[in-house]
Amino acid sequence: MTKNVYTLTSPDGKKTELPIRTGSLGPDVADISRLYAEQGIFTYDPGFVSTASCESDITFIDGDKGVLLYRGYPVEELAKHSNFVEVSYLLLYGELPSTDQLADFETSILTHTMLNEGMLRFFNGFRYDAHPMAMVSAVVGSMSAYYHDTMDVNDPRAREVFAHRIVAKLPTIAAAAHKLTAGQPFIYPRNDLNYAENLLHML
């Protein structure tokens, strides 16, 4: 929400008004999006020390004060009182789930834990000492080739289904990467186990 402006004056006297935007938390920000068009210059801020790259309804971080919020909830409180699936729901939908919402979400996640056998064969192409995150990111990237029916970013339902698939499959993918590194056979997920139990089972 714009409340006032800063005025930037160039050496030749040309003025540009930079609207001041106020967030729900943290310092105000100057909107410099018109700066290049009106002044022909960019800003220089290595590491984005004084720059907000986007608006976010999901996270707030103040590293100097040790503050990390997910949807307004302190992350340390979520770690104490919620499990991973509940926090995933919070990040996706904006609020912690009710008992019924959590049950439905957990059921949806359980239906998507299995990897397509073609995706599993990706792991045969990696060296045994490949970095686990390189393997995970490559296999997650391949999901668009297997689940292109839910790749319409303009369709809220497609985005929701794809998000559920990623949340469900990441433990399976991470466990497969671990098994490759350990030189052990892959273990399939079990739908009678909860999210954390399944990960431990596959490891």
C-alpha atoms as a PDB file:
ATOM      1  CA  MET A   1       0.000   0.000   0.000  1.00  0.00           C
ATOM      2  CA  THR A   2       1.507   3.324  -1.083  1.00  0.00           C
ATOM      3  CA  LYS A   3       1.539   6.024   1.598  1.00  0.00           C
ATOM      4  CA  ASN A   4       4.054   8.592   0.279  1.00  0.00           C
ATOM      5  CA  VAL A   5       7.074   8.915  -1.976  1.00  0.00           C
ATOM      6  CA  TYR A   6      10.785   9.533  -2.036  1.00  0.00           C
ATOM      7  CA  THR A   7      11.981  11.925  -4.717  1.00  0.00           C
ATOM      8  CA  LEU A   8      15.223  11.050  -6.493  1.00  0.00           C
ATOM      9  CA  THR A   9      16.949  13.956  -8.236  1.00  0.00           C
ATOM     10  CA  SER A  10      19.593  13.245 -10.895  1.00  0.00           C
ATOM     11  CA  PRO A  11      22.715  15.425 -11.320  1.00  0.00           C
ATOM     12  CA  ASP A  12      20.981  17.214 -14.217  1.00  0.00           C
ATOM     13  CA  GLY A  13      17.927  17.997 -12.077  1.00  0.00           C
ATOM     14  CA  LYS A  14      15.521  15.357 -13.412  1.00  0.00           C
ATOM     15  CA  LYS A  15      13.223  14.108 -10.663  1.00  0.00           C
ATOM     16  CA  THR A  16      11.667  10.669 -10.240  1.00  0.00           C
ATOM     17  CA  GLU A  17       9.122   9.868  -7.574  1.00  0.00           C
ATOM     18  CA  LEU A  18       9.628   6.485  -5.900  1.00  0.00           C
ATOM     19  CA  PRO A  19       6.440   5.308  -4.153  1.00  0.00           C
ATOM     20  CA  ILE A  20       6.920   4.064  -0.599  1.00  0.00           C
ATOM     21  CA  ARG A  21       5.222   0.731   0.045  1.00  0.00           C
ATOM     22  CA  THR A  22       4.415  -0.562   3.500  1.00  0.00           C
ATOM     23  CA  GLY A  23       4.345  -4.277   4.205  1.00  0.00           C
ATOM     24  CA  SER A  24       2.673  -6.049   7.091  1.00  0.00           C
ATOM     25  CA  LEU A  25       6.122  -6.630   8.658  1.00  0.00           C
ATOM     26  CA  GLY A  26       9.582  -5.177   8.276  1.00  0.00           C
ATOM     27  CA  PRO A  27      10.745  -1.797   6.990  1.00  0.00           C
ATOM     28  CA  ASP A  28       9.014   0.227   4.290  1.00  0.00           C
ATOM     29  CA  VAL A  29      10.369  -0.127   0.750  1.00  0.00           C
ATOM     30  CA  ALA A  30      10.887   2.335  -2.087  1.00  0.00           C
ATOM     31  CA  ASP A  31       9.439   1.066  -5.376  1.00  0.00           C
ATOM     32  CA  ILE A  32      12.225   1.672  -7.914  1.00  0.00           C
ATOM     33  CA  SER A  33      10.555  -0.114 -10.828  1.00  0.00           C
ATOM     34  CA  ARG A  34      10.315   3.136 -12.863  1.00  0.00           C
ATOM     35  CA  LEU A  35      13.902   4.196 -12.194  1.00  0.00           C
ATOM     36  CA  TYR A  36      15.477   2.873 -15.391  1.00  0.00           C
ATOM     37  CA  ALA A  37      12.637   4.080 -17.623  1.00  0.00           C
ATOM     38  CA  GLU A  38      12.739   7.594 -16.178  1.00  0.00           C
ATOM     39  CA  GLN A  39      16.411   8.046 -15.267  1.00  0.00           C
ATOM     40  CA  GLY A  40      18.215   5.495 -17.443  1.00  0.00           C
ATOM     41  CA  ILE A  41      20.111   4.003 -14.499  1.00  0.00           C
ATOM     42  CA  PHE A  42      20.070   0.774 -12.502  1.00  0.00           C
ATOM     43  CA  THR A  43      20.620   0.322  -8.781  1.00  0.00           C
ATOM     44  CA  TYR A  44      23.683  -1.525  -7.474  1.00  0.00           C
ATOM     45  CA  ASP A  45      23.098  -3.678  -4.398  1.00  0.00           C
ATOM     46  CA  PRO A  46      25.297  -6.819  -4.304  1.00  0.00           C
ATOM     47  CA  GLY A  47      23.590  -9.638  -2.458  1.00  0.00           C
ATOM     48  CA  PHE A  48      20.289  -7.723  -2.278  1.00  0.00           C
ATOM     49  CA  VAL A  49      21.346  -6.383   1.127  1.00  0.00           C
ATOM     50  CA  SER A  50      18.903  -3.467   0.853  1.00  0.00           C
ATOM     51  CA  THR A  51      16.582  -4.838  -1.813  1.00  0.00           C
ATOM     52  CA  ALA A  52      13.311  -6.753  -1.608  1.00  0.00           C
ATOM     53  CA  SER A  53      13.115  -8.846  -4.781  1.00  0.00           C
ATOM     54  CA  CYS A  54       9.405  -9.638  -4.463  1.00  0.00           C
ATOM     55  CA  GLU A  55       6.319  -9.493  -2.296  1.00  0.00           C
ATOM     56  CA  SER A  56       5.649 -12.636  -0.284  1.00  0.00           C
ATOM     57  CA  ASP A  57       2.591 -13.831   1.590  1.00  0.00           C
ATOM     58  CA  ILE A  58       4.512 -16.984   2.542  1.00  0.00           C
ATOM     59  CA  THR A  59       7.715 -16.046   4.346  1.00  0.00           C
ATOM     60  CA  PHE A  60       9.216 -13.198   6.321  1.00  0.00           C
ATOM     61  CA  ILE A  61      12.895 -13.214   7.273  1.00  0.00           C
ATOM     62  CA  ASP A  62      14.860 -10.850   9.478  1.00  0.00           C
ATOM     63  CA  GLY A  63      18.248 -12.484   9.857  1.00  0.00           C
ATOM     64  CA  ASP A  64      19.624  -9.811  12.189  1.00  0.00           C
ATOM     65  CA  LYS A  65      16.814 -10.438  14.678  1.00  0.00           C
ATOM     66  CA  GLY A  66      16.630 -14.194  14.102  1.00  0.00           C
ATOM     67  CA  VAL A  67      13.057 -14.038  12.802  1.00  0.00           C
ATOM     68  CA  LEU A  68      11.655 -16.536  10.296  1.00  0.00           C
ATOM     69  CA  LEU A  69       7.898 -16.677   9.770  1.00  0.00           C
ATOM     70  CA  TYR A  70       5.855 -19.027   7.611  1.00  0.00           C
ATOM     71  CA  ARG A  71       2.480 -17.441   6.854  1.00  0.00           C
ATOM     72  CA  GLY A  72       2.882 -15.347  10.004  1.00  0.00           C
ATOM     73  CA  TYR A  73       3.755 -18.278  12.288  1.00  0.00           C
ATOM     74  CA  PRO A  74       7.230 -18.359  13.915  1.00  0.00           C
ATOM     75  CA  VAL A  75       9.071 -21.338  12.449  1.00  0.00           C
ATOM     76  CA  GLU A  76      10.286 -22.450  15.880  1.00  0.00           C
ATOM     77  CA  GLU A  77       6.664 -22.766  17.044  1.00  0.00           C
ATOM     78  CA  LEU A  78       5.759 -24.766  13.957  1.00  0.00           C
ATOM     79  CA  ALA A  79       8.740 -27.052  14.607  1.00  0.00           C
ATOM     80  CA  LYS A  80       7.502 -27.670  18.161  1.00  0.00           C
ATOM     81  CA  HIS A  81       3.789 -28.102  17.515  1.00  0.00           C
ATOM     82  CA  SER A  82       3.267 -29.152  13.875  1.00  0.00           C
ATOM     83  CA  ASN A  83       4.570 -31.898  11.624  1.00  0.00           C
ATOM     84  CA  PHE A  84       5.991 -31.566   8.114  1.00  0.00           C
ATOM     85  CA  VAL A  85       2.697 -32.311   6.371  1.00  0.00           C
ATOM     86  CA  GLU A  86       0.850 -29.698   8.430  1.00  0.00           C
ATOM     87  CA  VAL A  87       3.480 -27.076   7.585  1.00  0.00           C
ATOM     88  CA  SER A  88       3.301 -28.058   3.907  1.00  0.00           C
ATOM     89  CA  TYR A  89      -0.453 -27.462   4.040  1.00  0.00           C
ATOM     90  CA  LEU A  90       0.140 -24.105   5.719  1.00  0.00           C
ATOM     91  CA  LEU A  91       2.581 -23.017   3.012  1.00  0.00           C
ATOM     92  CA  LEU A  92       0.238 -24.106   0.214  1.00  0.00           C
ATOM     93  CA  TYR A  93      -3.070 -22.850   1.593  1.00  0.00           C
ATOM     94  CA  GLY A  94      -2.222 -20.050   4.012  1.00  0.00           C
ATOM     95  CA  GLU A  95      -3.616 -21.548   7.221  1.00  0.00           C
ATOM     96  CA  LEU A  96      -2.926 -24.602   9.349  1.00  0.00           C
ATOM     97  CA  PRO A  97      -5.344 -27.409   8.484  1.00  0.00           C
ATOM     98  CA  SER A  98      -8.341 -28.540  10.479  1.00  0.00           C
ATOM     99  CA  THR A  99      -8.469 -32.219  11.410  1.00  0.00           C
ATOM    100  CA  ASP A 100     -10.570 -33.024   8.323  1.00  0.00           C
ATOM    101  CA  GLN A 101      -8.422 -30.904   6.009  1.00  0.00           C
ATOM    102  CA  LEU A 102      -5.275 -32.599   7.286  1.00  0.00           C
ATOM    103  CA  ALA A 103      -6.780 -36.055   6.774  1.00  0.00           C
ATOM    104  CA  ASP A 104      -7.749 -35.201   3.176  1.00  0.00           C
ATOM    105  CA  PHE A 105      -4.324 -33.700   2.483  1.00  0.00           C
ATOM    106  CA  GLU A 106      -2.507 -36.722   3.925  1.00  0.00           C
ATOM    107  CA  THR A 107      -4.649 -39.040   1.782  1.00  0.00           C
ATOM    108  CA  SER A 108      -3.804 -37.020  -1.322  1.00  0.00           C
ATOM    109  CA  ILE A 109      -0.092 -37.114  -0.486  1.00  0.00           C
ATOM    110  CA  LEU A 110      -0.172 -40.884   0.057  1.00  0.00           C
ATOM    111  CA  THR A 111      -1.701 -41.456  -3.388  1.00  0.00           C
ATOM    112  CA  HIS A 112       1.277 -39.750  -5.061  1.00  0.00           C
ATOM    113  CA  THR A 113       4.312 -41.212  -3.241  1.00  0.00           C
ATOM    114  CA  MET A 114       5.199 -43.766  -5.927  1.00  0.00           C
ATOM    115  CA  LEU A 115       7.650 -42.839  -8.688  1.00  0.00           C
ATOM    116  CA  ASN A 116       7.044 -43.815 -12.284  1.00  0.00           C
ATOM    117  CA  GLU A 117       9.490 -46.606 -13.159  1.00  0.00           C
ATOM    118  CA  GLY A 118      10.880 -44.425 -15.933  1.00  0.00           C
ATOM    119  CA  MET A 119      11.774 -41.774 -13.373  1.00  0.00           C
ATOM    120  CA  LEU A 120      13.498 -44.406 -11.251  1.00  0.00           C
ATOM    121  CA  ARG A 121      15.689 -45.315 -14.221  1.00  0.00           C
ATOM    122  CA  PHE A 122      17.084 -41.776 -14.141  1.00  0.00           C
ATOM    123  CA  PHE A 123      19.137 -42.862 -11.159  1.00  0.00           C
ATOM    124  CA  ASN A 124      20.977 -45.420 -13.305  1.00  0.00           C
ATOM    125  CA  GLY A 125      22.525 -42.510 -15.186  1.00  0.00           C
ATOM    126  CA  PHE A 126      24.076 -40.859 -12.136  1.00  0.00           C
ATOM    127  CA  ARG A 127      27.508 -41.634 -10.737  1.00  0.00           C
ATOM    128  CA  TYR A 128      27.462 -43.270  -7.314  1.00  0.00           C
ATOM    129  CA  ASP A 129      29.238 -40.214  -5.873  1.00  0.00           C
ATOM    130  CA  ALA A 130      27.000 -37.591  -7.490  1.00  0.00           C
ATOM    131  CA  HIS A 131      25.818 -34.879  -5.115  1.00  0.00           C
ATOM    132  CA  PRO A 132      22.393 -35.840  -3.711  1.00  0.00           C
ATOM    133  CA  MET A 133      20.895 -32.409  -4.435  1.00  0.00           C
ATOM    134  CA  ALA A 134      22.015 -32.630  -8.068  1.00  0.00           C
ATOM    135  CA  MET A 135      20.195 -35.958  -8.389  1.00  0.00           C
ATOM    136  CA  VAL A 136      17.090 -34.698  -6.593  1.00  0.00           C
ATOM    137  CA  SER A 137      16.834 -31.537  -8.689  1.00  0.00           C
ATOM    138  CA  ALA A 138      17.304 -33.491 -11.931  1.00  0.00           C
ATOM    139  CA  VAL A 139      14.566 -35.993 -11.083  1.00  0.00           C
ATOM    140  CA  VAL A 140      12.180 -33.295  -9.834  1.00  0.00           C
ATOM    141  CA  GLY A 141      12.800 -31.441 -13.103  1.00  0.00           C
ATOM    142  CA  SER A 142      11.844 -34.566 -15.037  1.00  0.00           C
ATOM    143  CA  MET A 143       8.389 -34.567 -13.423  1.00  0.00           C
ATOM    144  CA  SER A 144       7.181 -32.080 -16.042  1.00  0.00           C
ATOM    145  CA  ALA A 145       7.753 -34.750 -18.697  1.00  0.00           C
ATOM    146  CA  TYR A 146       5.691 -37.315 -16.788  1.00  0.00           C
ATOM    147  CA  TYR A 147       2.895 -35.134 -15.435  1.00  0.00           C
ATOM    148  CA  HIS A 148       2.368 -32.566 -18.188  1.00  0.00           C
ATOM    149  CA  ASP A 149      -1.408 -32.844 -17.644  1.00  0.00           C
ATOM    150  CA  THR A 150      -1.013 -30.656 -14.545  1.00  0.00           C
ATOM    151  CA  MET A 151       1.502 -28.145 -15.902  1.00  0.00           C
ATOM    152  CA  ASP A 152      -0.907 -25.285 -16.665  1.00  0.00           C
ATOM    153  CA  VAL A 153       0.318 -22.548 -14.316  1.00  0.00           C
ATOM    154  CA  ASN A 154      -2.871 -20.577 -14.979  1.00  0.00           C
ATOM    155  CA  ASP A 155      -5.066 -23.409 -13.660  1.00  0.00           C
ATOM    156  CA  PRO A 156      -5.288 -23.327  -9.834  1.00  0.00           C
ATOM    157  CA  ARG A 157      -6.351 -26.989  -9.666  1.00  0.00           C
ATOM    158  CA  ALA A 158      -3.408 -28.089 -11.848  1.00  0.00           C
ATOM    159  CA  ARG A 159      -0.999 -26.153  -9.628  1.00  0.00           C
ATOM    160  CA  GLU A 160      -2.534 -27.762  -6.555  1.00  0.00           C
ATOM    161  CA  VAL A 161      -2.216 -31.314  -7.913  1.00  0.00           C
ATOM    162  CA  PHE A 162       1.380 -30.716  -8.998  1.00  0.00           C
ATOM    163  CA  ALA A 163       2.243 -29.287  -5.571  1.00  0.00           C
ATOM    164  CA  HIS A 164       0.770 -32.390  -3.912  1.00  0.00           C
ATOM    165  CA  ARG A 165       2.844 -34.593  -6.225  1.00  0.00           C
ATOM    166  CA  ILE A 166       6.072 -32.791  -5.392  1.00  0.00           C
ATOM    167  CA  VAL A 167       5.439 -32.950  -1.635  1.00  0.00           C
ATOM    168  CA  ALA A 168       4.573 -36.653  -1.945  1.00  0.00           C
ATOM    169  CA  LYS A 169       7.444 -37.695  -4.193  1.00  0.00           C
ATOM    170  CA  LEU A 170      10.323 -35.768  -2.634  1.00  0.00           C
ATOM    171  CA  PRO A 171      10.954 -38.322   0.149  1.00  0.00           C
ATOM    172  CA  THR A 172      10.886 -41.116  -2.439  1.00  0.00           C
ATOM    173  CA  ILE A 173      13.306 -39.224  -4.690  1.00  0.00           C
ATOM    174  CA  ALA A 174      15.614 -38.289  -1.801  1.00  0.00           C
ATOM    175  CA  ALA A 175      15.641 -41.870  -0.515  1.00  0.00           C
ATOM    176  CA  ALA A 176      16.439 -43.191  -4.001  1.00  0.00           C
ATOM    177  CA  ALA A 177      19.387 -40.777  -4.228  1.00  0.00           C
ATOM    178  CA  HIS A 178      20.605 -41.992  -0.837  1.00  0.00           C
ATOM    179  CA  LYS A 179      20.308 -45.645  -1.868  1.00  0.00           C
ATOM    180  CA  LEU A 180      22.313 -45.011  -5.035  1.00  0.00           C
ATOM    181  CA  THR A 181      25.082 -43.355  -3.027  1.00  0.00           C
ATOM    182  CA  ALA A 182      25.053 -46.235  -0.531  1.00  0.00           C
ATOM    183  CA  GLY A 183      25.088 -48.853  -3.305  1.00  0.00           C
ATOM    184  CA  GLN A 184      21.863 -50.382  -2.023  1.00  0.00           C
ATOM    185  CA  PRO A 185      18.630 -51.393  -3.803  1.00  0.00           C
ATOM    186  CA  PHE A 186      15.739 -48.952  -3.964  1.00  0.00           C
ATOM    187  CA  ILE A 187      12.872 -49.498  -1.498  1.00  0.00           C
ATOM    188  CA  TYR A 188       9.344 -48.624  -2.598  1.00  0.00           C
ATOM    189  CA  PRO A 189       7.107 -46.417  -0.433  1.00  0.00           C
ATOM    190  CA  ARG A 190       4.324 -47.913   1.671  1.00  0.00           C
ATOM    191  CA  ASN A 191       0.965 -46.221   1.907  1.00  0.00           C
ATOM    192  CA  ASP A 192       0.284 -47.634   5.371  1.00  0.00           C
ATOM    193  CA  LEU A 193       3.026 -45.406   6.805  1.00  0.00           C
ATOM    194  CA  ASN A 194       2.865 -41.693   7.513  1.00  0.00           C
ATOM    195  CA  TYR A 195       5.125 -39.172   5.786  1.00  0.00           C
ATOM    196  CA  ALA A 196       8.091 -39.358   8.175  1.00  0.00           C
ATOM    197  CA  GLU A 197       7.770 -43.121   8.687  1.00  0.00           C
ATOM    198  CA  ASN A 198       7.802 -43.647   4.933  1.00  0.00           C
ATOM    199  CA  LEU A 199      11.010 -41.673   4.514  1.00  0.00           C
ATOM    200  CA  LEU A 200      12.731 -43.679   7.249  1.00  0.00           C
ATOM    201  CA  HIS A 201      11.396 -46.922   5.748  1.00  0.00           C
ATOM    202  CA  MET A 202      12.865 -46.070   2.320  1.00  0.00           C
ATOM    203  CA  LEU A 203      16.227 -44.995   3.724  1.00  0.00           C
END
